[in-house]
PDB file of N, CA and C in Angstrom:
ATOM      1  N   MET A   1      91.166 128.989  63.553  1.00  0.00           N
ATOM      2  CA  MET A   1      91.689 127.782  63.281  1.00  0.00           C
ATOM      3  C   MET A   1      91.001 126.640  64.006  1.00  0.00           C
ATOM      4  N   LYS A   2      90.612 125.581  63.391  1.00  0.00           N
ATOM      5  CA  LYS A   2      89.918 124.513  64.003  1.00  0.00           C
ATOM      6  C   LYS A   2      90.911 123.561  64.695  1.00  0.00           C
ATOM      7  N   THR A   3      90.516 123.005  65.861  1.00  0.00           N
ATOM      8  CA  THR A   3      91.284 122.020  66.505  1.00  0.00           C
ATOM      9  C   THR A   3      91.024 120.637  65.963  1.00  0.00           C
ATOM     10  N   ILE A   4      91.802 119.619  66.347  1.00  0.00           N
ATOM     11  CA  ILE A   4      91.590 118.304  65.777  1.00  0.00           C
ATOM     12  C   ILE A   4      90.134 117.769  66.194  1.00  0.00           C
ATOM     13  N   ALA A   5      89.858 117.964  67.470  1.00  0.00           N
ATOM     14  CA  ALA A   5      88.470 117.452  67.893  1.00  0.00           C
ATOM     15  C   ALA A   5      87.348 118.135  67.210  1.00  0.00           C
ATOM     16  N   MET A   6      87.460 119.459  66.924  1.00  0.00           N
ATOM     17  CA  MET A   6      86.427 120.170  66.244  1.00  0.00           C
ATOM     18  C   MET A   6      86.257 119.795  64.650  1.00  0.00           C
ATOM     19  N   SER A   7      87.244 119.439  64.084  1.00  0.00           N
ATOM     20  CA  SER A   7      87.253 119.222  62.613  1.00  0.00           C
ATOM     21  C   SER A   7      87.152 117.670  62.377  1.00  0.00           C
ATOM     22  N   SER A   8      87.019 116.893  63.336  1.00  0.00           N
ATOM     23  CA  SER A   8      86.990 115.424  63.022  1.00  0.00           C
ATOM     24  C   SER A   8      85.683 114.871  63.074  1.00  0.00           C
ATOM     25  N   SER A   9      85.573 113.572  62.916  1.00  0.00           N
ATOM     26  CA  SER A   9      84.291 112.896  62.951  1.00  0.00           C
ATOM     27  C   SER A   9      83.732 112.831  64.282  1.00  0.00           C
ATOM     28  N   PRO A  10      82.438 112.482  64.533  1.00  0.00           N
ATOM     29  CA  PRO A  10      81.917 112.348  65.983  1.00  0.00           C
ATOM     30  C   PRO A  10      82.651 111.210  66.786  1.00  0.00           C
ATOM     31  N   ILE A  11      83.101 110.149  66.084  1.00  0.00           N
ATOM     32  CA  ILE A  11      83.581 108.972  66.710  1.00  0.00           C
ATOM     33  C   ILE A  11      84.966 109.553  67.338  1.00  0.00           C
ATOM     34  N   ILE A  12      85.787 110.245  66.535  1.00  0.00           N
ATOM     35  CA  ILE A  12      87.105 110.664  67.063  1.00  0.00           C
ATOM     36  C   ILE A  12      86.883 111.645  68.167  1.00  0.00           C
ATOM     37  N   THR A  13      86.008 112.489  68.029  1.00  0.00           N
ATOM     38  CA  THR A  13      85.584 113.559  69.070  1.00  0.00           C
ATOM     39  C   THR A  13      85.225 112.834  70.343  1.00  0.00           C
ATOM     40  N   GLY A  14      84.380 111.838  70.268  1.00  0.00           N
ATOM     41  CA  GLY A  14      83.917 111.116  71.420  1.00  0.00           C
ATOM     42  C   GLY A  14      84.993 110.295  72.086  1.00  0.00           C
ATOM     43  N   THR A  15      85.839 109.720  71.208  1.00  0.00           N
ATOM     44  CA  THR A  15      86.966 108.882  71.793  1.00  0.00           C
ATOM     45  C   THR A  15      88.021 109.825  72.531  1.00  0.00           C
ATOM     46  N   ILE A  16      88.309 110.885  71.794  1.00  0.00           N
ATOM     47  CA  ILE A  16      89.334 111.848  72.475  1.00  0.00           C
ATOM     48  C   ILE A  16      88.763 112.385  73.730  1.00  0.00           C
ATOM     49  N   THR A  17      87.418 112.715  73.893  1.00  0.00           N
ATOM     50  CA  THR A  17      86.817 113.122  75.105  1.00  0.00           C
ATOM     51  C   THR A  17      86.825 112.038  76.079  1.00  0.00           C
ATOM     52  N   THR A  18      86.541 110.824  75.771  1.00  0.00           N
ATOM     53  CA  THR A  18      86.569 109.713  76.691  1.00  0.00           C
ATOM     54  C   THR A  18      87.935 109.452  77.204  1.00  0.00           C
ATOM     55  N   MET A  19      88.926 109.479  76.366  1.00  0.00           N
ATOM     56  CA  MET A  19      90.377 109.298  76.847  1.00  0.00           C
ATOM     57  C   MET A  19      90.738 110.438  77.784  1.00  0.00           C
ATOM     58  N   GLY A  20      90.443 111.638  77.461  1.00  0.00           N
ATOM     59  CA  GLY A  20      90.711 112.839  78.272  1.00  0.00           C
ATOM     60  C   GLY A  20      90.035 112.686  79.638  1.00  0.00           C
ATOM     61  N   LEU A  21      88.781 112.376  79.733  1.00  0.00           N
ATOM     62  CA  LEU A  21      88.136 112.260  80.939  1.00  0.00           C
ATOM     63  C   LEU A  21      88.610 111.053  81.813  1.00  0.00           C
ATOM     64  N   MET A  22      88.984 110.003  81.080  1.00  0.00           N
ATOM     65  CA  MET A  22      89.618 108.874  81.806  1.00  0.00           C
ATOM     66  C   MET A  22      90.945 109.288  82.453  1.00  0.00           C
ATOM     67  N   LEU A  23      91.736 110.046  81.728  1.00  0.00           N
ATOM     68  CA  LEU A  23      93.032 110.500  82.243  1.00  0.00           C
ATOM     69  C   LEU A  23      92.813 111.353  83.401  1.00  0.00           C
ATOM     70  N   ILE A  24      91.954 112.356  83.405  1.00  0.00           N
ATOM     71  CA  ILE A  24      91.656 113.246  84.383  1.00  0.00           C
ATOM     72  C   ILE A  24      91.201 112.506  85.647  1.00  0.00           C
ATOM     73  N   GLY A  25      90.219 111.548  85.488  1.00  0.00           N
ATOM     74  CA  GLY A  25      89.677 110.765  86.537  1.00  0.00           C
ATOM     75  C   GLY A  25      90.718 109.906  87.163  1.00  0.00           C
ATOM     76  N   SER A  26      91.603 109.321  86.404  1.00  0.00           N
ATOM     77  CA  SER A  26      92.718 108.522  86.972  1.00  0.00           C
ATOM     78  C   SER A  26      93.705 109.322  87.765  1.00  0.00           C
ATOM     79  N   VAL A  27      94.031 110.589  87.448  1.00  0.00           N
ATOM     80  CA  VAL A  27      94.842 111.404  88.145  1.00  0.00           C
ATOM     81  C   VAL A  27      94.167 111.818  89.473  1.00  0.00           C
ATOM     82  N   LEU A  28      92.946 112.083  89.398  1.00  0.00           N
ATOM     83  CA  LEU A  28      92.184 112.539  90.629  1.00  0.00           C
ATOM     84  C   LEU A  28      92.033 111.353  91.582  1.00  0.00           C
ATOM     85  N   THR A  29      91.841 110.147  91.031  1.00  0.00           N
ATOM     86  CA  THR A  29      91.793 108.878  91.834  1.00  0.00           C
ATOM     87  C   THR A  29      93.122 108.652  92.560  1.00  0.00           C
ATOM     88  N   SER A  30      94.188 108.861  91.809  1.00  0.00           N
ATOM     89  CA  SER A  30      95.504 108.538  92.408  1.00  0.00           C
ATOM     90  C   SER A  30      95.831 109.600  93.488  1.00  0.00           C
ATOM     91  N   LEU A  31      95.359 110.878  93.253  1.00  0.00           N
ATOM     92  CA  LEU A  31      95.649 111.888  94.293  1.00  0.00           C
ATOM     93  C   LEU A  31      94.777 111.599  95.515  1.00  0.00           C
ATOM     94  N   LEU A  32      93.513 111.080  95.322  1.00  0.00           N
ATOM     95  CA  LEU A  32      92.643 110.712  96.415  1.00  0.00           C
ATOM     96  C   LEU A  32      93.273 109.538  97.240  1.00  0.00           C
ATOM     97  N   LEU A  33      93.737 108.500  96.549  1.00  0.00           N
ATOM     98  CA  LEU A  33      94.385 107.483  97.210  1.00  0.00           C
ATOM     99  C   LEU A  33      95.620 107.776  98.026  1.00  0.00           C
ATOM    100  N   HIS A  34      96.327 108.733  97.401  1.00  0.00           N
ATOM    101  CA  HIS A  34      97.536 109.104  98.086  1.00  0.00           C
ATOM    102  C   HIS A  34      97.383 110.057  99.244  1.00  0.00           C
ATOM    103  N   PHE A  35      96.468 111.067  99.127  1.00  0.00           N
ATOM    104  CA  PHE A  35      96.339 111.967 100.277  1.00  0.00           C
ATOM    105  C   PHE A  35      95.192 111.683 101.223  1.00  0.00           C
ATOM    106  N   SER A  36      94.523 110.572 101.115  1.00  0.00           N
ATOM    107  CA  SER A  36      93.481 110.316 102.039  1.00  0.00           C
ATOM    108  C   SER A  36      93.688 108.919 102.622  1.00  0.00           C
ATOM    109  N   ASN A  37      92.665 108.520 103.469  1.00  0.00           N
ATOM    110  CA  ASN A  37      92.779 107.160 104.011  1.00  0.00           C
ATOM    111  C   ASN A  37      91.978 106.191 103.288  1.00  0.00           C
ATOM    112  N   VAL A  38      91.558 106.507 102.035  1.00  0.00           N
ATOM    113  CA  VAL A  38      90.909 105.613 101.216  1.00  0.00           C
ATOM    114  C   VAL A  38      91.833 104.392 100.867  1.00  0.00           C
ATOM    115  N   SER A  39      91.319 103.124 101.035  1.00  0.00           N
ATOM    116  CA  SER A  39      92.078 101.979 100.713  1.00  0.00           C
ATOM    117  C   SER A  39      92.171 101.737  99.235  1.00  0.00           C
ATOM    118  N   ASP A  40      93.337 101.060  98.913  1.00  0.00           N
ATOM    119  CA  ASP A  40      93.451 100.728  97.396  1.00  0.00           C
ATOM    120  C   ASP A  40      92.616  99.538  97.055  1.00  0.00           C
ATOM    121  N   MET A  41      91.914  98.870  98.045  1.00  0.00           N
ATOM    122  CA  MET A  41      91.002  97.839  97.814  1.00  0.00           C
ATOM    123  C   MET A  41      89.709  98.305  97.124  1.00  0.00           C
ATOM    124  N   ASN A  42      89.492  99.715  97.144  1.00  0.00           N
ATOM    125  CA  ASN A  42      88.395 100.260  96.431  1.00  0.00           C
ATOM    126  C   ASN A  42      88.717 100.669  95.044  1.00  0.00           C
ATOM    127  N   LEU A  43      89.925 100.456  94.506  1.00  0.00           N
ATOM    128  CA  LEU A  43      90.446 100.972  93.302  1.00  0.00           C
ATOM    129  C   LEU A  43      89.581 100.426  92.155  1.00  0.00           C
ATOM    130  N   PRO A  44      89.174  99.036  92.133  1.00  0.00           N
ATOM    131  CA  PRO A  44      88.341  98.568  90.985  1.00  0.00           C
ATOM    132  C   PRO A  44      86.947  99.376  90.846  1.00  0.00           C
ATOM    133  N   TYR A  45      86.349  99.774  91.980  1.00  0.00           N
ATOM    134  CA  TYR A  45      85.198 100.515  91.850  1.00  0.00           C
ATOM    135  C   TYR A  45      85.393 101.892  91.253  1.00  0.00           C
ATOM    136  N   PHE A  46      86.469 102.521  91.707  1.00  0.00           N
ATOM    137  CA  PHE A  46      86.843 103.814  91.120  1.00  0.00           C
ATOM    138  C   PHE A  46      87.004 103.704  89.613  1.00  0.00           C
ATOM    139  N   THR A  47      87.741 102.607  89.186  1.00  0.00           N
ATOM    140  CA  THR A  47      88.093 102.367  87.846  1.00  0.00           C
ATOM    141  C   THR A  47      86.823 102.190  87.017  1.00  0.00           C
ATOM    142  N   TYR A  48      85.916 101.379  87.506  1.00  0.00           N
ATOM    143  CA  TYR A  48      84.726 101.128  86.668  1.00  0.00           C
ATOM    144  C   TYR A  48      83.882 102.330  86.580  1.00  0.00           C
ATOM    145  N   CYS A  49      83.774 103.108  87.724  1.00  0.00           N
ATOM    146  CA  CYS A  49      83.029 104.296  87.658  1.00  0.00           C
ATOM    147  C   CYS A  49      83.595 105.425  86.731  1.00  0.00           C
ATOM    148  N   ILE A  50      84.870 105.557  86.775  1.00  0.00           N
ATOM    149  CA  ILE A  50      85.616 106.584  85.877  1.00  0.00           C
ATOM    150  C   ILE A  50      85.398 106.090  84.411  1.00  0.00           C
ATOM    151  N   ASN A  51      85.608 104.880  84.112  1.00  0.00           N
ATOM    152  CA  ASN A  51      85.380 104.405  82.652  1.00  0.00           C
ATOM    153  C   ASN A  51      83.941 104.531  82.238  1.00  0.00           C
ATOM    154  N   GLY A  52      83.053 104.148  83.133  1.00  0.00           N
ATOM    155  CA  GLY A  52      81.593 104.314  82.791  1.00  0.00           C
ATOM    156  C   GLY A  52      81.182 105.771  82.513  1.00  0.00           C
ATOM    157  N   LEU A  53      81.544 106.619  83.335  1.00  0.00           N
ATOM    158  CA  LEU A  53      81.223 108.064  83.223  1.00  0.00           C
ATOM    159  C   LEU A  53      81.924 108.653  81.972  1.00  0.00           C
ATOM    160  N   SER A  54      83.091 108.229  81.727  1.00  0.00           N
ATOM    161  CA  SER A  54      83.812 108.691  80.583  1.00  0.00           C
ATOM    162  C   SER A  54      83.138 108.298  79.297  1.00  0.00           C
ATOM    163  N   LEU A  55      82.786 107.048  79.272  1.00  0.00           N
ATOM    164  CA  LEU A  55      82.020 106.420  78.082  1.00  0.00           C
ATOM    165  C   LEU A  55      80.720 107.136  77.909  1.00  0.00           C
ATOM    166  N   LEU A  56      80.027 107.363  78.906  1.00  0.00           N
ATOM    167  CA  LEU A  56      78.802 108.036  78.747  1.00  0.00           C
ATOM    168  C   LEU A  56      78.900 109.493  78.197  1.00  0.00           C
ATOM    169  N   ILE A  57      79.891 110.228  78.751  1.00  0.00           N
ATOM    170  CA  ILE A  57      80.121 111.547  78.292  1.00  0.00           C
ATOM    171  C   ILE A  57      80.685 111.662  76.931  1.00  0.00           C
ATOM    172  N   GLY A  58      81.548 110.688  76.673  1.00  0.00           N
ATOM    173  CA  GLY A  58      82.220 110.571  75.269  1.00  0.00           C
ATOM    174  C   GLY A  58      81.108 110.247  74.264  1.00  0.00           C
ATOM    175  N   GLY A  59      80.256 109.261  74.650  1.00  0.00           N
ATOM    176  CA  GLY A  59      79.189 108.965  73.662  1.00  0.00           C
ATOM    177  C   GLY A  59      78.213 110.119  73.469  1.00  0.00           C
ATOM    178  N   TRP A  60      77.992 110.869  74.637  1.00  0.00           N
ATOM    179  CA  TRP A  60      77.121 112.106  74.526  1.00  0.00           C
ATOM    180  C   TRP A  60      77.713 113.088  73.563  1.00  0.00           C
ATOM    181  N   MET A  61      79.025 113.283  73.654  1.00  0.00           N
ATOM    182  CA  MET A  61      79.677 114.232  72.791  1.00  0.00           C
ATOM    183  C   MET A  61      79.622 113.701  71.305  1.00  0.00           C
ATOM    184  N   ALA A  62      79.878 112.437  71.085  1.00  0.00           N
ATOM    185  CA  ALA A  62      79.687 111.903  69.740  1.00  0.00           C
ATOM    186  C   ALA A  62      78.321 112.109  69.168  1.00  0.00           C
ATOM    187  N   GLY A  63      77.290 111.696  69.961  1.00  0.00           N
ATOM    188  CA  GLY A  63      75.902 111.918  69.492  1.00  0.00           C
ATOM    189  C   GLY A  63      75.557 113.418  69.305  1.00  0.00           C
ATOM    190  N   LYS A  64      75.982 114.305  70.117  1.00  0.00           N
ATOM    191  CA  LYS A  64      75.787 115.703  69.969  1.00  0.00           C
ATOM    192  C   LYS A  64      76.337 116.223  68.686  1.00  0.00           C
ATOM    193  N   LYS A  65      77.644 115.857  68.433  1.00  0.00           N
ATOM    194  CA  LYS A  65      78.282 116.241  67.233  1.00  0.00           C
ATOM    195  C   LYS A  65      77.777 115.663  65.963  1.00  0.00           C
ATOM    196  N   GLY A  66      77.298 114.407  66.038  1.00  0.00           N
ATOM    197  CA  GLY A  66      76.754 113.690  64.790  1.00  0.00           C
ATOM    198  C   GLY A  66      75.340 114.298  64.498  1.00  0.00           C
ATOM    199  N   GLY A  67      74.584 114.622  65.486  1.00  0.00           N
ATOM    200  CA  GLY A  67      73.190 115.168  65.306  1.00  0.00           C
ATOM    201  C   GLY A  67      72.122 114.144  64.890  1.00  0.00           C
ATOM    202  N   ARG A  68      72.596 112.944  64.649  1.00  0.00           N
ATOM    203  CA  ARG A  68      71.631 111.825  64.354  1.00  0.00           C
ATOM    204  C   ARG A  68      72.333 110.587  64.533  1.00  0.00           C
ATOM    205  N   LYS A  69      71.621 109.468  64.615  1.00  0.00           N
ATOM    206  CA  LYS A  69      72.183 108.145  64.803  1.00  0.00           C
ATOM    207  C   LYS A  69      73.046 108.053  66.206  1.00  0.00           C
ATOM    208  N   GLY A  70      72.523 108.642  67.189  1.00  0.00           N
ATOM    209  CA  GLY A  70      73.358 108.757  68.429  1.00  0.00           C
ATOM    210  C   GLY A  70      73.833 107.431  68.940  1.00  0.00           C
ATOM    211  N   TRP A  71      72.955 106.402  68.902  1.00  0.00           N
ATOM    212  CA  TRP A  71      73.364 105.111  69.282  1.00  0.00           C
ATOM    213  C   TRP A  71      74.530 104.591  68.554  1.00  0.00           C
ATOM    214  N   TYR A  72      74.603 104.842  67.178  1.00  0.00           N
ATOM    215  CA  TYR A  72      75.510 104.377  66.236  1.00  0.00           C
ATOM    216  C   TYR A  72      76.930 105.119  66.610  1.00  0.00           C
ATOM    217  N   PHE A  73      76.944 106.423  66.624  1.00  0.00           N
ATOM    218  CA  PHE A  73      78.042 107.186  66.934  1.00  0.00           C
ATOM    219  C   PHE A  73      78.550 106.928  68.207  1.00  0.00           C
ATOM    220  N   GLY A  74      77.740 106.849  69.396  1.00  0.00           N
ATOM    221  CA  GLY A  74      78.090 106.614  70.654  1.00  0.00           C
ATOM    222  C   GLY A  74      78.612 105.157  70.789  1.00  0.00           C
ATOM    223  N   GLY A  75      78.000 104.275  70.157  1.00  0.00           N
ATOM    224  CA  GLY A  75      78.436 102.818  70.261  1.00  0.00           C
ATOM    225  C   GLY A  75      79.756 102.589  69.630  1.00  0.00           C
ATOM    226  N   LEU A  76      80.017 103.327  68.469  1.00  0.00           N
ATOM    227  CA  LEU A  76      81.244 103.098  67.805  1.00  0.00           C
ATOM    228  C   LEU A  76      82.327 103.874  68.598  1.00  0.00           C
ATOM    229  N   THR A  77      82.007 104.927  69.398  1.00  0.00           N
ATOM    230  CA  THR A  77      82.874 105.554  70.247  1.00  0.00           C
ATOM    231  C   THR A  77      83.459 104.693  71.366  1.00  0.00           C
ATOM    232  N   GLY A  78      82.348 103.812  71.889  1.00  0.00           N
ATOM    233  CA  GLY A  78      82.717 102.877  72.873  1.00  0.00           C
ATOM    234  C   GLY A  78      83.626 101.729  72.378  1.00  0.00           C
ATOM    235  N   ILE A  79      83.334 101.287  71.141  1.00  0.00           N
ATOM    236  CA  ILE A  79      84.128 100.262  70.537  1.00  0.00           C
ATOM    237  C   ILE A  79      85.579 100.807  70.248  1.00  0.00           C
ATOM    238  N   ALA A  80      85.735 102.100  69.793  1.00  0.00           N
ATOM    239  CA  ALA A  80      87.027 102.674  69.555  1.00  0.00           C
ATOM    240  C   ALA A  80      87.770 102.781  70.871  1.00  0.00           C
ATOM    241  N   TYR A  81      87.095 103.243  71.941  1.00  0.00           N
ATOM    242  CA  TYR A  81      87.793 103.290  73.270  1.00  0.00           C
ATOM    243  C   TYR A  81      88.261 101.987  73.719  1.00  0.00           C
ATOM    244  N   PHE A  82      87.362 100.917  73.629  1.00  0.00           N
ATOM    245  CA  PHE A  82      87.717  99.583  73.995  1.00  0.00           C
ATOM    246  C   PHE A  82      88.969  99.093  73.205  1.00  0.00           C
ATOM    247  N   ALA A  83      89.017  99.384  71.868  1.00  0.00           N
ATOM    248  CA  ALA A  83      90.077  98.895  71.074  1.00  0.00           C
ATOM    249  C   ALA A  83      91.428  99.616  71.469  1.00  0.00           C
ATOM    250  N   LEU A  84      91.344 100.876  71.893  1.00  0.00           N
ATOM    251  CA  LEU A  84      92.465 101.625  72.277  1.00  0.00           C
ATOM    252  C   LEU A  84      92.989 101.062  73.647  1.00  0.00           C
ATOM    253  N   ILE A  85      92.151 100.811  74.589  1.00  0.00           N
ATOM    254  CA  ILE A  85      92.478 100.289  75.875  1.00  0.00           C
ATOM    255  C   ILE A  85      93.083  98.865  75.709  1.00  0.00           C
ATOM    256  N   MET A  86      92.504  98.045  74.905  1.00  0.00           N
ATOM    257  CA  MET A  86      93.072  96.698  74.706  1.00  0.00           C
ATOM    258  C   MET A  86      94.479  96.782  74.048  1.00  0.00           C
ATOM    259  N   LEU A  87      94.609  97.671  73.072  1.00  0.00           N
ATOM    260  CA  LEU A  87      95.895  97.794  72.403  1.00  0.00           C
ATOM    261  C   LEU A  87      97.032  98.294  73.397  1.00  0.00           C
ATOM    262  N   ILE A  88      96.569  99.258  74.242  1.00  0.00           N
ATOM    263  CA  ILE A  88      97.578  99.716  75.294  1.00  0.00           C
ATOM    264  C   ILE A  88      97.848  98.522  76.262  1.00  0.00           C
ATOM    265  N   GLY A  89      96.922  97.772  76.678  1.00  0.00           N
ATOM    266  CA  GLY A  89      97.069  96.792  77.566  1.00  0.00           C
ATOM    267  C   GLY A  89      97.943  95.612  76.915  1.00  0.00           C
ATOM    268  N   PHE A  90      97.713  95.282  75.712  1.00  0.00           N
ATOM    269  CA  PHE A  90      98.500  94.360  74.963  1.00  0.00           C
ATOM    270  C   PHE A  90      99.994  94.665  74.752  1.00  0.00           C
ATOM    271  N   LEU A  91     100.179  95.966  74.235  1.00  0.00           N
ATOM    272  CA  LEU A  91     101.487  96.356  73.899  1.00  0.00           C
ATOM    273  C   LEU A  91     102.300  96.789  75.159  1.00  0.00           C
ATOM    274  N   ALA A  92     101.732  97.498  76.068  1.00  0.00           N
ATOM    275  CA  ALA A  92     102.474  97.937  77.293  1.00  0.00           C
ATOM    276  C   ALA A  92     102.650  96.913  78.331  1.00  0.00           C
ATOM    277  N   PHE A  93     101.604  96.078  78.596  1.00  0.00           N
ATOM    278  CA  PHE A  93     101.648  95.176  79.620  1.00  0.00           C
ATOM    279  C   PHE A  93     101.572  93.810  79.289  1.00  0.00           C
ATOM    280  N   ASP A  94     101.489  93.517  78.024  1.00  0.00           N
ATOM    281  CA  ASP A  94     101.529  92.086  77.391  1.00  0.00           C
ATOM    282  C   ASP A  94     100.278  91.333  78.013  1.00  0.00           C
ATOM    283  N   ILE A  95      99.091  92.039  78.122  1.00  0.00           N
ATOM    284  CA  ILE A  95      97.931  91.350  78.555  1.00  0.00           C
ATOM    285  C   ILE A  95      97.060  90.902  77.393  1.00  0.00           C
ATOM    286  N   SER A  96      96.856  89.598  77.396  1.00  0.00           N
ATOM    287  CA  SER A  96      96.042  89.093  76.212  1.00  0.00           C
ATOM    288  C   SER A  96      94.556  89.039  76.637  1.00  0.00           C
ATOM    289  N   PRO A  97      93.722  89.459  75.719  1.00  0.00           N
ATOM    290  CA  PRO A  97      92.330  89.600  75.963  1.00  0.00           C
ATOM    291  C   PRO A  97      91.643  88.166  76.317  1.00  0.00           C
ATOM    292  N   GLY A  98      90.831  88.270  77.223  1.00  0.00           N
ATOM    293  CA  GLY A  98      90.072  86.931  77.640  1.00  0.00           C
ATOM    294  C   GLY A  98      88.544  87.158  77.512  1.00  0.00           C
ATOM    295  N   LEU A  99      87.856  86.320  78.208  1.00  0.00           N
ATOM    296  CA  LEU A  99      86.426  86.422  78.170  1.00  0.00           C
ATOM    297  C   LEU A  99      85.874  87.722  78.845  1.00  0.00           C
ATOM    298  N   ASN A 100      86.555  88.232  79.829  1.00  0.00           N
ATOM    299  CA  ASN A 100      86.231  89.462  80.450  1.00  0.00           C
ATOM    300  C   ASN A 100      86.194  90.622  79.424  1.00  0.00           C
ATOM    301  N   ALA A 101      87.063  90.503  78.355  1.00  0.00           N
ATOM    302  CA  ALA A 101      87.086  91.570  77.346  1.00  0.00           C
ATOM    303  C   ALA A 101      85.867  91.655  76.588  1.00  0.00           C
ATOM    304  N   LEU A 102      85.150  90.496  76.375  1.00  0.00           N
ATOM    305  CA  LEU A 102      83.847  90.571  75.672  1.00  0.00           C
ATOM    306  C   LEU A 102      82.777  91.345  76.498  1.00  0.00           C
ATOM    307  N   LEU A 103      82.879  91.017  77.874  1.00  0.00           N
ATOM    308  CA  LEU A 103      81.973  91.846  78.697  1.00  0.00           C
ATOM    309  C   LEU A 103      82.241  93.251  78.657  1.00  0.00           C
ATOM    310  N   TYR A 104      83.504  93.654  78.746  1.00  0.00           N
ATOM    311  CA  TYR A 104      83.898  95.063  78.770  1.00  0.00           C
ATOM    312  C   TYR A 104      83.512  95.697  77.380  1.00  0.00           C
ATOM    313  N   LEU A 105      83.689  94.942  76.321  1.00  0.00           N
ATOM    314  CA  LEU A 105      83.335  95.425  74.962  1.00  0.00           C
ATOM    315  C   LEU A 105      81.784  95.689  74.942  1.00  0.00           C
ATOM    316  N   ALA A 106      81.009  94.769  75.371  1.00  0.00           N
ATOM    317  CA  ALA A 106      79.569  95.087  75.298  1.00  0.00           C
ATOM    318  C   ALA A 106      79.240  96.186  76.209  1.00  0.00           C
ATOM    319  N   SER A 107      79.787  96.358  77.405  1.00  0.00           N
ATOM    320  CA  SER A 107      79.526  97.483  78.272  1.00  0.00           C
ATOM    321  C   SER A 107      79.903  98.726  77.746  1.00  0.00           C
ATOM    322  N   ALA A 108      81.108  98.758  77.055  1.00  0.00           N
ATOM    323  CA  ALA A 108      81.560 100.007  76.337  1.00  0.00           C
ATOM    324  C   ALA A 108      80.632 100.453  75.285  1.00  0.00           C
ATOM    325  N   PHE A 109      80.166  99.472  74.455  1.00  0.00           N
ATOM    326  CA  PHE A 109      79.157  99.792  73.377  1.00  0.00           C
ATOM    327  C   PHE A 109      77.925 100.336  74.002  1.00  0.00           C
ATOM    328  N   ILE A 110      77.288  99.693  74.964  1.00  0.00           N
ATOM    329  CA  ILE A 110      76.101 100.051  75.539  1.00  0.00           C
ATOM    330  C   ILE A 110      76.094 101.432  76.199  1.00  0.00           C
ATOM    331  N   LEU A 111      77.195 101.672  76.936  1.00  0.00           N
ATOM    332  CA  LEU A 111      77.355 102.959  77.628  1.00  0.00           C
ATOM    333  C   LEU A 111      77.622 104.074  76.664  1.00  0.00           C
ATOM    334  N   GLY A 112      78.352 103.823  75.675  1.00  0.00           N
ATOM    335  CA  GLY A 112      78.573 104.829  74.635  1.00  0.00           C
ATOM    336  C   GLY A 112      77.292 105.128  73.832  1.00  0.00           C
ATOM    337  N   ALA A 113      76.636 104.061  73.492  1.00  0.00           N
ATOM    338  CA  ALA A 113      75.398 104.163  72.769  1.00  0.00           C
ATOM    339  C   ALA A 113      74.312 104.948  73.518  1.00  0.00           C
ATOM    340  N   LEU A 114      74.142 104.670  74.842  1.00  0.00           N
ATOM    341  CA  LEU A 114      73.237 105.417  75.722  1.00  0.00           C
ATOM    342  C   LEU A 114      73.619 106.837  75.779  1.00  0.00           C
ATOM    343  N   GLY A 115      74.979 107.182  75.926  1.00  0.00           N
ATOM    344  CA  GLY A 115      75.409 108.568  75.902  1.00  0.00           C
ATOM    345  C   GLY A 115      75.104 109.225  74.545  1.00  0.00           C
ATOM    346  N   GLY A 116      75.250 108.453  73.508  1.00  0.00           N
ATOM    347  CA  GLY A 116      74.933 108.995  72.148  1.00  0.00           C
ATOM    348  C   GLY A 116      73.477 109.357  71.933  1.00  0.00           C
ATOM    349  N   VAL A 117      72.610 108.552  72.505  1.00  0.00           N
ATOM    350  CA  VAL A 117      71.227 108.804  72.476  1.00  0.00           C
ATOM    351  C   VAL A 117      70.869 110.069  73.179  1.00  0.00           C
ATOM    352  N   PHE A 118      71.373 110.242  74.354  1.00  0.00           N
ATOM    353  CA  PHE A 118      71.221 111.560  75.094  1.00  0.00           C
ATOM    354  C   PHE A 118      71.800 112.672  74.351  1.00  0.00           C
ATOM    355  N   GLY A 119      72.955 112.505  73.723  1.00  0.00           N
ATOM    356  CA  GLY A 119      73.530 113.545  72.942  1.00  0.00           C
ATOM    357  C   GLY A 119      72.887 114.028  71.764  1.00  0.00           C
ATOM    358  N   VAL A 120      72.252 113.103  71.090  1.00  0.00           N
ATOM    359  CA  VAL A 120      71.410 113.530  69.860  1.00  0.00           C
ATOM    360  C   VAL A 120      70.292 114.460  70.327  1.00  0.00           C
ATOM    361  N   ASN A 121      69.661 114.032  71.538  1.00  0.00           N
ATOM    362  CA  ASN A 121      68.592 114.923  71.955  1.00  0.00           C
ATOM    363  C   ASN A 121      68.922 116.267  72.461  1.00  0.00           C
ATOM    364  N   MET A 122      70.272 116.468  72.764  1.00  0.00           N
ATOM    365  CA  MET A 122      70.804 117.756  73.102  1.00  0.00           C
ATOM    366  C   MET A 122      71.304 118.484  71.983  1.00  0.00           C
ATOM    367  N   SER A 123      71.405 117.820  70.790  1.00  0.00           N
ATOM    368  CA  SER A 123      72.071 118.419  69.662  1.00  0.00           C
ATOM    369  C   SER A 123      71.167 119.521  69.009  1.00  0.00           C
ATOM    370  N   SER A 124      71.809 120.500  68.435  1.00  0.00           N
ATOM    371  CA  SER A 124      71.101 121.609  67.775  1.00  0.00           C
ATOM    372  C   SER A 124      70.844 121.390  66.390  1.00  0.00           C
ATOM    373  N   ASN A 125      71.539 120.380  65.715  1.00  0.00           N
ATOM    374  CA  ASN A 125      71.349 120.059  64.295  1.00  0.00           C
ATOM    375  C   ASN A 125      70.670 118.695  64.160  1.00  0.00           C
ATOM    376  N   SER A 126      69.887 118.202  65.109  1.00  0.00           N
ATOM    377  CA  SER A 126      69.176 116.881  64.941  1.00  0.00           C
ATOM    378  C   SER A 126      68.100 117.071  63.880  1.00  0.00           C
ATOM    379  N   LYS A 127      67.938 115.976  63.124  1.00  0.00           N
ATOM    380  CA  LYS A 127      66.971 116.050  61.983  1.00  0.00           C
ATOM    381  C   LYS A 127      65.856 115.079  62.199  1.00  0.00           C
TER     382      LYS A 127
END
């Protein structure tokens, strides 16, 4: 029996991977902040690193699953991740998007596309 991630499109696979890695990274960061002497002033750096690595790996998964057009599948994975984060921020915290959102959108697309390019090169069904 196929799971949702296995039977879906590369974009959905990459987005689910990105969200899962972001969740795991957030839990690990909160545990690190709670059980160590690391200051919460470093939280933005942890957040950017977790999101960046999650987008790279999610784009890599999308590119690997797609087998071609890695920048396309990875970039769309980044855009889908951005849309979900903005939707959660808007609905849960009533945060309206500003100019920083455009920078985050561009970063998400670029990191996802870069991961997708690497993923296509690792794919077994690239054409």
